Amino acid sequence: MAAKKTAAKKTAAKKTAATTMKRSTAKSTTRTTAPRNASSGKFTAEERAAMKEYVKELKASKDRDEQKQRLLEAIAKMEGSDRAMAKRVDAIVMAAAPQLEQRTWYGMPAYAKGDKVLCFFQDAAKFKARYATFGFSDEANLDKGGMWPTSYALKKLTAADEAKITALVKQAVR
């Protein structure tokens, strides 16, 4: 009789342990995101401004001339060397692929094929970087092997840089 009571206690103890284990496992896996006050969930003022600009772009007319005007206004707002590089990049891109539409993308000068942005220019001051960036979206046909660059840092534009941008834009449009 004592053996039956001991066996029953062991069985009950195992069930309790299993239930406790299930509860603790369930509790530990319920939270999959960072707490609300974590810094990873906050956007900088620059990022929020870019998102607001993107919403304005979505609401804007699809008129090609209006889009081009928005691009020129975005370039005009840039500071010194960034403005000069953006003007030069605009000329290079439009000479390499005149079929692209000039527009803005998150407030940055961009070039699209239909509704899909292929490439863009990001001035250094926009996100307080030490260099401007000329980048490509995943819509650009730049695939080369298993890995390839999608953006390039620009401190100044040389003739070699201009030739490279021309070749990349032509490849992206294919």
Foldseek 3Di string as FASTA:
>chain_A
DVVVVVVVVVVVVVVVVVVVVVVVVVVVPPDDDDDPPDPVPDDDPLQVLLVVVQVVQVVDDPDLVVQQVLQLVLLVPDDDPLSVVSVVLVVLLCVLPVQWGWGDHSSWTFTHNVPHTAWTKAQCVSVVHPFIKIFGDPQFQPDDPPDDDGMDTDPDDDPVNSVVSSVRSNRRVD
